[in-house]
N, C-alpha and C. Protein backbone atom coordinates (compact mmCIF):
# COMPACT_ATOMS: atom_id res chain seq x y z
N UNK A 1 25.22 -7.90 -1.66
CA UNK A 1 24.83 -8.01 -3.04
C UNK A 1 23.30 -8.19 -3.17
N UNK A 2 22.72 -9.00 -2.28
CA UNK A 2 21.27 -9.19 -2.32
C UNK A 2 20.53 -7.90 -2.04
N UNK A 3 21.01 -7.15 -1.05
CA UNK A 3 20.32 -5.91 -0.73
C UNK A 3 20.45 -4.91 -1.88
N UNK A 4 21.56 -4.96 -2.62
CA UNK A 4 21.70 -4.09 -3.78
C UNK A 4 20.65 -4.47 -4.83
N UNK A 5 20.49 -5.78 -5.07
CA UNK A 5 19.51 -6.25 -6.06
C UNK A 5 18.08 -5.84 -5.69
N UNK A 6 17.75 -5.92 -4.41
CA UNK A 6 16.39 -5.61 -3.95
C UNK A 6 16.23 -4.16 -3.50
N UNK A 7 17.31 -3.41 -3.53
CA UNK A 7 17.23 -1.98 -3.20
C UNK A 7 17.50 -1.68 -1.73
N UNK A 8 17.23 -2.63 -0.86
CA UNK A 8 17.44 -2.43 0.57
C UNK A 8 17.13 -3.74 1.30
N UNK A 9 17.45 -3.77 2.57
CA UNK A 9 17.11 -4.93 3.39
C UNK A 9 15.60 -5.09 3.45
N UNK A 10 14.87 -3.98 3.59
CA UNK A 10 13.41 -4.07 3.65
C UNK A 10 12.85 -4.54 2.31
N UNK A 11 13.48 -4.16 1.20
CA UNK A 11 13.05 -4.65 -0.11
C UNK A 11 13.25 -6.15 -0.25
N UNK A 12 14.37 -6.63 0.27
CA UNK A 12 14.62 -8.08 0.28
C UNK A 12 13.55 -8.80 1.08
N UNK A 13 13.24 -8.29 2.27
CA UNK A 13 12.21 -8.93 3.11
C UNK A 13 10.83 -8.85 2.47
N UNK A 14 10.55 -7.75 1.79
CA UNK A 14 9.26 -7.63 1.09
C UNK A 14 9.15 -8.71 0.02
N UNK A 15 10.22 -8.93 -0.71
CA UNK A 15 10.22 -9.96 -1.75
C UNK A 15 10.06 -11.35 -1.15
N UNK A 16 10.74 -11.60 -0.05
CA UNK A 16 10.61 -12.89 0.64
C UNK A 16 9.20 -13.07 1.20
N UNK A 17 8.62 -12.00 1.75
CA UNK A 17 7.26 -12.08 2.28
C UNK A 17 6.27 -12.37 1.16
N UNK A 18 6.47 -11.78 0.00
CA UNK A 18 5.61 -12.05 -1.15
C UNK A 18 5.72 -13.53 -1.55
N UNK A 19 6.91 -14.05 -1.56
CA UNK A 19 7.13 -15.47 -1.89
C UNK A 19 6.45 -16.37 -0.86
N UNK A 20 6.57 -16.01 0.41
CA UNK A 20 5.91 -16.77 1.47
C UNK A 20 4.40 -16.72 1.32
N UNK A 21 3.86 -15.55 0.99
CA UNK A 21 2.42 -15.43 0.78
C UNK A 21 1.95 -16.35 -0.34
N UNK A 22 2.72 -16.44 -1.42
CA UNK A 22 2.34 -17.33 -2.51
C UNK A 22 2.36 -18.79 -2.07
N UNK A 23 3.36 -19.16 -1.28
CA UNK A 23 3.44 -20.53 -0.77
C UNK A 23 2.26 -20.82 0.16
N UNK A 24 1.96 -19.88 1.04
CA UNK A 24 0.85 -20.09 1.98
C UNK A 24 -0.50 -20.07 1.26
N UNK A 25 -0.60 -19.32 0.18
CA UNK A 25 -1.84 -19.32 -0.61
C UNK A 25 -2.13 -20.73 -1.10
N UNK A 26 -1.10 -21.41 -1.57
CA UNK A 26 -1.27 -22.79 -2.03
C UNK A 26 -1.69 -23.70 -0.87
N UNK A 27 -1.08 -23.51 0.28
CA UNK A 27 -1.44 -24.33 1.44
C UNK A 27 -2.86 -24.05 1.90
N UNK A 28 -3.29 -22.79 1.84
CA UNK A 28 -4.64 -22.43 2.29
C UNK A 28 -5.72 -22.90 1.32
N UNK A 29 -5.35 -23.18 0.09
CA UNK A 29 -6.32 -23.74 -0.86
C UNK A 29 -6.77 -25.13 -0.40
N UNK A 30 -5.94 -25.79 0.40
CA UNK A 30 -6.27 -27.12 0.91
C UNK A 30 -7.06 -27.05 2.23
N UNK A 31 -7.26 -25.85 2.74
CA UNK A 31 -7.96 -25.67 4.02
C UNK A 31 -9.35 -26.30 3.93
N UNK A 32 -9.69 -27.10 4.92
CA UNK A 32 -10.99 -27.78 4.90
C UNK A 32 -11.85 -27.41 6.11
N UNK A 33 -11.63 -26.26 6.68
CA UNK A 33 -12.40 -25.82 7.84
C UNK A 33 -13.65 -25.04 7.49
N UNK A 34 -14.23 -25.33 6.33
CA UNK A 34 -15.39 -24.58 5.87
C UNK A 34 -16.69 -25.07 6.48
N UNK A 35 -16.62 -26.05 7.36
CA UNK A 35 -17.84 -26.64 7.91
C UNK A 35 -18.49 -25.79 8.99
N UNK A 36 -17.84 -24.72 9.39
CA UNK A 36 -18.39 -23.85 10.43
C UNK A 36 -19.77 -23.35 10.02
N UNK A 37 -20.59 -23.06 11.00
CA UNK A 37 -21.99 -22.74 10.72
C UNK A 37 -22.27 -21.27 10.40
N UNK A 38 -21.36 -20.39 10.71
CA UNK A 38 -21.64 -18.97 10.50
C UNK A 38 -20.46 -18.30 9.80
N UNK A 39 -20.70 -17.17 9.16
CA UNK A 39 -19.59 -16.43 8.55
C UNK A 39 -18.49 -16.11 9.57
N UNK A 40 -18.88 -15.76 10.79
CA UNK A 40 -17.89 -15.46 11.82
C UNK A 40 -17.01 -16.67 12.11
N UNK A 41 -17.62 -17.83 12.28
CA UNK A 41 -16.86 -19.04 12.59
C UNK A 41 -15.95 -19.45 11.42
N UNK A 42 -16.45 -19.28 10.20
CA UNK A 42 -15.64 -19.59 9.02
C UNK A 42 -14.40 -18.70 8.99
N UNK A 43 -14.61 -17.40 9.20
CA UNK A 43 -13.49 -16.45 9.14
C UNK A 43 -12.49 -16.70 10.26
N UNK A 44 -12.98 -16.94 11.47
CA UNK A 44 -12.07 -17.22 12.59
C UNK A 44 -11.27 -18.49 12.30
N UNK A 45 -11.93 -19.53 11.82
CA UNK A 45 -11.23 -20.78 11.50
C UNK A 45 -10.14 -20.56 10.46
N UNK A 46 -10.48 -19.78 9.43
CA UNK A 46 -9.51 -19.51 8.37
C UNK A 46 -8.29 -18.76 8.92
N UNK A 47 -8.53 -17.71 9.69
CA UNK A 47 -7.41 -16.93 10.21
C UNK A 47 -6.59 -17.71 11.24
N UNK A 48 -7.22 -18.62 11.96
CA UNK A 48 -6.44 -19.47 12.86
C UNK A 48 -5.55 -20.44 12.08
N UNK A 49 -6.04 -20.91 10.95
CA UNK A 49 -5.20 -21.76 10.09
C UNK A 49 -4.05 -20.93 9.53
N UNK A 50 -4.33 -19.70 9.13
CA UNK A 50 -3.27 -18.82 8.66
C UNK A 50 -2.26 -18.55 9.78
N UNK A 51 -2.74 -18.34 10.99
CA UNK A 51 -1.84 -18.13 12.13
C UNK A 51 -0.98 -19.36 12.38
N UNK A 52 -1.58 -20.53 12.22
CA UNK A 52 -0.82 -21.79 12.39
C UNK A 52 0.35 -21.81 11.39
N UNK A 53 0.08 -21.38 10.16
CA UNK A 53 1.15 -21.32 9.15
C UNK A 53 2.17 -20.24 9.50
N UNK A 54 1.69 -19.06 9.88
CA UNK A 54 2.59 -17.94 10.20
C UNK A 54 3.48 -18.23 11.39
N UNK A 55 2.97 -19.00 12.35
CA UNK A 55 3.72 -19.29 13.57
C UNK A 55 4.58 -20.56 13.44
N UNK A 56 4.48 -21.23 12.31
CA UNK A 56 5.30 -22.40 12.05
C UNK A 56 6.77 -21.98 12.11
N UNK A 57 7.59 -22.72 12.82
CA UNK A 57 9.01 -22.33 12.92
C UNK A 57 9.69 -22.10 11.56
N UNK A 58 9.19 -22.76 10.53
CA UNK A 58 9.75 -22.62 9.18
C UNK A 58 9.53 -21.20 8.64
N UNK A 59 8.44 -20.54 9.04
CA UNK A 59 8.09 -19.22 8.51
C UNK A 59 8.17 -18.11 9.55
N UNK A 60 8.22 -18.46 10.79
CA UNK A 60 8.06 -17.51 11.88
C UNK A 60 9.05 -16.34 11.85
N UNK A 61 10.32 -16.63 11.68
CA UNK A 61 11.33 -15.57 11.70
C UNK A 61 11.12 -14.59 10.55
N UNK A 62 10.79 -15.11 9.38
CA UNK A 62 10.54 -14.22 8.24
C UNK A 62 9.34 -13.32 8.51
N UNK A 63 8.25 -13.88 9.04
CA UNK A 63 7.07 -13.06 9.36
C UNK A 63 7.42 -11.99 10.39
N UNK A 64 8.19 -12.38 11.38
CA UNK A 64 8.58 -11.44 12.44
C UNK A 64 9.41 -10.29 11.85
N UNK A 65 10.42 -10.61 11.07
CA UNK A 65 11.29 -9.59 10.49
C UNK A 65 10.54 -8.72 9.49
N UNK A 66 9.68 -9.34 8.68
CA UNK A 66 8.91 -8.57 7.70
C UNK A 66 7.99 -7.59 8.42
N UNK A 67 7.40 -8.02 9.52
CA UNK A 67 6.54 -7.12 10.30
C UNK A 67 7.31 -5.93 10.84
N UNK A 68 8.54 -6.18 11.26
CA UNK A 68 9.36 -5.08 11.81
C UNK A 68 9.72 -4.04 10.75
N UNK A 69 10.05 -4.50 9.56
CA UNK A 69 10.53 -3.55 8.54
C UNK A 69 9.43 -3.08 7.59
N UNK A 70 8.22 -3.58 7.76
CA UNK A 70 7.15 -3.22 6.82
C UNK A 70 6.89 -1.71 6.79
N UNK A 71 7.22 -1.03 7.85
CA UNK A 71 7.01 0.43 7.86
C UNK A 71 7.98 1.14 6.93
N UNK A 72 9.03 0.45 6.51
CA UNK A 72 10.03 1.06 5.63
C UNK A 72 9.82 0.74 4.16
N UNK A 73 8.78 -0.02 3.83
CA UNK A 73 8.56 -0.37 2.42
C UNK A 73 8.07 0.84 1.67
N UNK A 74 8.59 1.00 0.45
CA UNK A 74 8.12 2.11 -0.38
C UNK A 74 6.75 1.77 -0.97
N UNK A 75 6.15 2.74 -1.65
CA UNK A 75 4.79 2.56 -2.16
C UNK A 75 4.69 1.40 -3.15
N UNK A 76 5.71 1.21 -3.97
CA UNK A 76 5.69 0.12 -4.95
C UNK A 76 5.70 -1.25 -4.26
N UNK A 77 6.55 -1.40 -3.24
CA UNK A 77 6.60 -2.67 -2.50
C UNK A 77 5.29 -2.91 -1.77
N UNK A 78 4.76 -1.85 -1.18
CA UNK A 78 3.49 -1.96 -0.45
C UNK A 78 2.37 -2.38 -1.39
N UNK A 79 2.32 -1.79 -2.58
CA UNK A 79 1.28 -2.14 -3.55
C UNK A 79 1.42 -3.59 -4.01
N UNK A 80 2.65 -4.02 -4.25
CA UNK A 80 2.88 -5.41 -4.67
C UNK A 80 2.46 -6.38 -3.56
N UNK A 81 2.83 -6.06 -2.34
CA UNK A 81 2.46 -6.94 -1.23
C UNK A 81 0.97 -6.90 -0.96
N UNK A 82 0.36 -5.78 -1.20
CA UNK A 82 -1.08 -5.68 -1.02
C UNK A 82 -1.79 -6.70 -1.90
N UNK A 83 -1.36 -6.83 -3.14
CA UNK A 83 -1.94 -7.84 -4.04
C UNK A 83 -1.61 -9.25 -3.54
N UNK A 84 -0.45 -9.41 -2.98
CA UNK A 84 -0.05 -10.70 -2.45
C UNK A 84 -0.97 -11.11 -1.30
N UNK A 85 -1.35 -10.16 -0.45
CA UNK A 85 -2.26 -10.45 0.66
C UNK A 85 -3.68 -10.71 0.16
N UNK A 86 -4.08 -9.99 -0.89
CA UNK A 86 -5.39 -10.25 -1.49
C UNK A 86 -5.45 -11.70 -1.98
N UNK A 87 -4.38 -12.14 -2.64
CA UNK A 87 -4.33 -13.53 -3.12
C UNK A 87 -4.32 -14.52 -1.97
N UNK A 88 -3.64 -14.17 -0.90
CA UNK A 88 -3.59 -15.04 0.28
C UNK A 88 -4.98 -15.27 0.85
N UNK A 89 -5.82 -14.27 0.78
CA UNK A 89 -7.18 -14.36 1.34
C UNK A 89 -8.22 -14.83 0.32
N UNK A 90 -7.81 -15.12 -0.91
CA UNK A 90 -8.76 -15.54 -1.94
C UNK A 90 -9.61 -16.74 -1.55
N UNK A 91 -9.03 -17.79 -0.95
CA UNK A 91 -9.89 -18.92 -0.58
C UNK A 91 -11.03 -18.50 0.36
N UNK A 92 -10.74 -17.62 1.28
CA UNK A 92 -11.76 -17.12 2.20
C UNK A 92 -12.75 -16.23 1.46
N UNK A 93 -12.24 -15.35 0.64
CA UNK A 93 -13.10 -14.42 -0.13
C UNK A 93 -14.08 -15.20 -1.00
N UNK A 94 -13.61 -16.28 -1.63
CA UNK A 94 -14.48 -17.10 -2.48
C UNK A 94 -15.53 -17.83 -1.65
N UNK A 95 -15.17 -18.19 -0.45
CA UNK A 95 -16.08 -18.96 0.39
C UNK A 95 -17.21 -18.11 0.95
N UNK A 96 -16.92 -16.86 1.27
CA UNK A 96 -17.94 -15.98 1.84
C UNK A 96 -18.83 -15.47 0.72
N UNK A 97 -20.10 -15.56 0.92
CA UNK A 97 -21.07 -15.10 -0.07
C UNK A 97 -21.51 -13.69 0.29
N UNK A 98 -20.85 -12.71 -0.32
CA UNK A 98 -21.15 -11.32 0.00
C UNK A 98 -22.48 -10.86 -0.60
N UNK A 99 -23.06 -11.68 -1.45
CA UNK A 99 -24.38 -11.35 -1.98
C UNK A 99 -25.47 -11.61 -0.95
N UNK A 100 -25.15 -12.47 -0.02
CA UNK A 100 -26.10 -12.75 1.06
C UNK A 100 -25.77 -11.84 2.23
N UNK A 101 -26.61 -11.85 3.20
CA UNK A 101 -26.47 -10.96 4.34
C UNK A 101 -25.54 -11.58 5.39
N UNK A 102 -24.21 -11.38 5.23
CA UNK A 102 -23.27 -11.98 6.17
C UNK A 102 -22.71 -10.98 7.18
N UNK A 103 -22.88 -9.70 6.92
CA UNK A 103 -22.29 -8.69 7.80
C UNK A 103 -23.24 -8.34 8.94
N UNK A 104 -22.65 -8.00 10.06
CA UNK A 104 -23.44 -7.69 11.26
C UNK A 104 -24.13 -6.33 11.15
N UNK A 105 -23.59 -5.45 10.36
CA UNK A 105 -24.20 -4.14 10.15
C UNK A 105 -24.38 -3.92 8.65
N UNK A 106 -25.08 -2.87 8.27
CA UNK A 106 -25.33 -2.61 6.87
C UNK A 106 -24.07 -2.06 6.19
N UNK A 107 -23.53 -2.85 5.29
CA UNK A 107 -22.34 -2.45 4.55
C UNK A 107 -22.69 -2.21 3.08
N UNK A 108 -23.84 -1.62 2.83
CA UNK A 108 -24.32 -1.42 1.47
C UNK A 108 -23.28 -0.74 0.60
N UNK A 109 -22.62 0.26 1.12
CA UNK A 109 -21.66 1.03 0.32
C UNK A 109 -20.21 0.55 0.49
N UNK A 110 -20.02 -0.56 1.17
CA UNK A 110 -18.68 -1.08 1.41
C UNK A 110 -18.43 -2.26 0.47
N UNK A 111 -17.30 -2.26 -0.18
CA UNK A 111 -16.95 -3.36 -1.09
C UNK A 111 -16.48 -4.56 -0.27
N UNK A 112 -16.71 -5.77 -0.76
CA UNK A 112 -16.22 -6.97 -0.07
C UNK A 112 -14.72 -6.94 0.19
N UNK A 113 -13.95 -6.38 -0.74
CA UNK A 113 -12.50 -6.31 -0.52
C UNK A 113 -12.15 -5.42 0.66
N UNK A 114 -12.97 -4.40 0.93
CA UNK A 114 -12.74 -3.56 2.10
C UNK A 114 -12.98 -4.34 3.38
N UNK A 115 -13.99 -5.21 3.37
CA UNK A 115 -14.25 -6.07 4.53
C UNK A 115 -13.05 -7.00 4.74
N UNK A 116 -12.55 -7.59 3.64
CA UNK A 116 -11.41 -8.50 3.75
C UNK A 116 -10.18 -7.77 4.28
N UNK A 117 -9.96 -6.56 3.81
CA UNK A 117 -8.81 -5.79 4.29
C UNK A 117 -8.96 -5.46 5.78
N UNK A 118 -10.17 -5.19 6.22
CA UNK A 118 -10.41 -4.91 7.64
C UNK A 118 -10.11 -6.15 8.48
N UNK A 119 -10.56 -7.30 8.02
CA UNK A 119 -10.28 -8.54 8.74
C UNK A 119 -8.78 -8.79 8.81
N UNK A 120 -8.08 -8.57 7.70
CA UNK A 120 -6.63 -8.75 7.66
C UNK A 120 -5.94 -7.83 8.67
N UNK A 121 -6.38 -6.58 8.71
CA UNK A 121 -5.77 -5.61 9.62
C UNK A 121 -5.99 -6.01 11.08
N UNK A 122 -7.18 -6.49 11.39
CA UNK A 122 -7.47 -6.94 12.76
C UNK A 122 -6.57 -8.10 13.14
N UNK A 123 -6.33 -9.00 12.22
CA UNK A 123 -5.49 -10.18 12.46
C UNK A 123 -4.03 -9.81 12.72
N UNK A 124 -3.56 -8.76 12.08
CA UNK A 124 -2.14 -8.43 12.15
C UNK A 124 -1.64 -8.11 13.55
N UNK A 125 -2.41 -7.41 14.36
CA UNK A 125 -1.91 -7.04 15.69
C UNK A 125 -1.65 -8.26 16.57
N UNK A 126 -2.62 -9.15 16.77
CA UNK A 126 -2.30 -10.30 17.62
C UNK A 126 -1.25 -11.21 17.01
N UNK A 127 -1.19 -11.28 15.67
CA UNK A 127 -0.13 -12.09 15.05
C UNK A 127 1.23 -11.52 15.41
N UNK A 128 1.39 -10.22 15.26
CA UNK A 128 2.69 -9.61 15.58
C UNK A 128 3.05 -9.78 17.05
N UNK A 129 2.05 -9.68 17.91
CA UNK A 129 2.31 -9.90 19.34
C UNK A 129 2.70 -11.36 19.59
N UNK A 130 2.07 -12.28 18.89
CA UNK A 130 2.42 -13.70 19.04
C UNK A 130 3.84 -13.96 18.56
N UNK A 131 4.23 -13.30 17.48
CA UNK A 131 5.57 -13.51 16.93
C UNK A 131 6.67 -13.06 17.88
N UNK A 132 6.36 -12.11 18.75
CA UNK A 132 7.38 -11.67 19.72
C UNK A 132 7.06 -12.17 21.13
N UNK A 133 6.14 -13.14 21.21
CA UNK A 133 5.75 -13.74 22.50
C UNK A 133 5.28 -12.70 23.50
N UNK A 134 4.42 -11.78 23.05
CA UNK A 134 3.94 -10.70 23.91
C UNK A 134 2.43 -10.80 24.15
N UNK A 135 1.88 -12.00 24.06
CA UNK A 135 0.44 -12.17 24.30
C UNK A 135 0.15 -12.61 25.74
N UNK A 136 1.18 -12.73 26.54
CA UNK A 136 0.97 -13.07 27.95
C UNK A 136 0.63 -14.53 28.18
N UNK A 137 1.02 -15.40 27.25
CA UNK A 137 0.79 -16.84 27.42
C UNK A 137 2.10 -17.56 27.15
N UNK A 138 2.18 -18.80 27.64
CA UNK A 138 3.34 -19.63 27.32
C UNK A 138 3.40 -19.80 25.81
N UNK A 139 4.59 -19.71 25.23
CA UNK A 139 4.70 -19.65 23.77
C UNK A 139 4.53 -20.97 23.02
N UNK A 140 3.61 -21.81 23.45
CA UNK A 140 3.32 -23.00 22.65
C UNK A 140 2.36 -22.60 21.54
N UNK A 141 2.35 -23.36 20.47
CA UNK A 141 1.49 -23.04 19.34
C UNK A 141 0.03 -22.98 19.76
N UNK A 142 -0.44 -23.94 20.51
CA UNK A 142 -1.85 -23.96 20.92
C UNK A 142 -2.20 -22.77 21.80
N UNK A 143 -1.33 -22.41 22.73
CA UNK A 143 -1.59 -21.23 23.58
C UNK A 143 -1.65 -19.95 22.74
N UNK A 144 -0.73 -19.82 21.78
CA UNK A 144 -0.72 -18.63 20.94
C UNK A 144 -1.97 -18.56 20.07
N UNK A 145 -2.38 -19.69 19.51
CA UNK A 145 -3.59 -19.71 18.68
C UNK A 145 -4.82 -19.35 19.51
N UNK A 146 -4.89 -19.86 20.73
CA UNK A 146 -6.02 -19.54 21.61
C UNK A 146 -6.03 -18.05 21.95
N UNK A 147 -4.86 -17.49 22.22
CA UNK A 147 -4.76 -16.06 22.54
C UNK A 147 -5.12 -15.20 21.32
N UNK A 148 -4.70 -15.62 20.14
CA UNK A 148 -5.06 -14.89 18.92
C UNK A 148 -6.57 -14.92 18.73
N UNK A 149 -7.17 -16.09 18.91
CA UNK A 149 -8.62 -16.19 18.75
C UNK A 149 -9.35 -15.28 19.73
N UNK A 150 -8.89 -15.22 20.97
CA UNK A 150 -9.53 -14.34 21.96
C UNK A 150 -9.47 -12.88 21.54
N UNK A 151 -8.44 -12.53 20.79
CA UNK A 151 -8.32 -11.13 20.35
C UNK A 151 -9.11 -10.85 19.08
N UNK A 152 -9.15 -11.80 18.14
CA UNK A 152 -9.79 -11.50 16.86
C UNK A 152 -11.29 -11.76 16.85
N UNK A 153 -11.76 -12.77 17.57
CA UNK A 153 -13.18 -13.14 17.50
C UNK A 153 -14.11 -11.97 17.86
N UNK A 154 -13.92 -11.27 18.97
CA UNK A 154 -14.87 -10.18 19.27
C UNK A 154 -14.81 -9.03 18.26
N UNK A 155 -13.65 -8.79 17.70
CA UNK A 155 -13.52 -7.72 16.70
C UNK A 155 -14.14 -8.15 15.37
N UNK A 156 -13.93 -9.39 14.99
CA UNK A 156 -14.56 -9.91 13.77
C UNK A 156 -16.08 -9.90 13.94
N UNK A 157 -16.55 -10.15 15.17
CA UNK A 157 -18.00 -10.19 15.43
C UNK A 157 -18.66 -8.83 15.22
N UNK A 158 -17.88 -7.76 15.29
CA UNK A 158 -18.41 -6.44 15.00
C UNK A 158 -18.72 -6.29 13.52
N UNK A 159 -18.08 -7.10 12.69
CA UNK A 159 -18.22 -7.00 11.24
C UNK A 159 -19.12 -8.09 10.67
N UNK A 160 -18.97 -9.31 11.19
CA UNK A 160 -19.65 -10.47 10.62
C UNK A 160 -20.73 -11.04 11.53
N UNK A 161 -21.73 -11.62 10.93
CA UNK A 161 -22.79 -12.26 11.72
C UNK A 161 -22.28 -13.56 12.30
N UNK A 162 -22.72 -13.85 13.52
CA UNK A 162 -22.30 -15.08 14.17
C UNK A 162 -23.28 -16.23 13.92
N UNK A 163 -24.43 -15.96 13.38
CA UNK A 163 -25.42 -17.02 13.08
C UNK A 163 -25.96 -16.84 11.69
């Protein structure tokens, strides 16, 4: 009956993922890791906090299943979730001052939202690997967070200034 209401199993998971994003958005508004000295450190800290939430046993299975079926979402579900992810990253977006020179290369013609989407995309691969314990580390939260940081920091450094 639920899958009928949501159109499919993937539609149900998309709706649940949207709900989870809204819950995590509220939790990330309380994030206090803004003391980092550089845009790179701020962004890495934020995404590690997001990973801590995503890897929480309370949310982990939903994130894992949503990642598996996300390729089956129709354009409407994808568009709705896209806004959900934009909202999830709002605390970070507000914190970064795109009017100042925070990017490592000249992004004159690139919108700040494009930078945020790039950071989100970079984060997704190690998160999905962590969710299936495929990062080559013991599956403790601290080991997974360390492995995620090792994967995202050098890629984020291509986009953001470290000092």
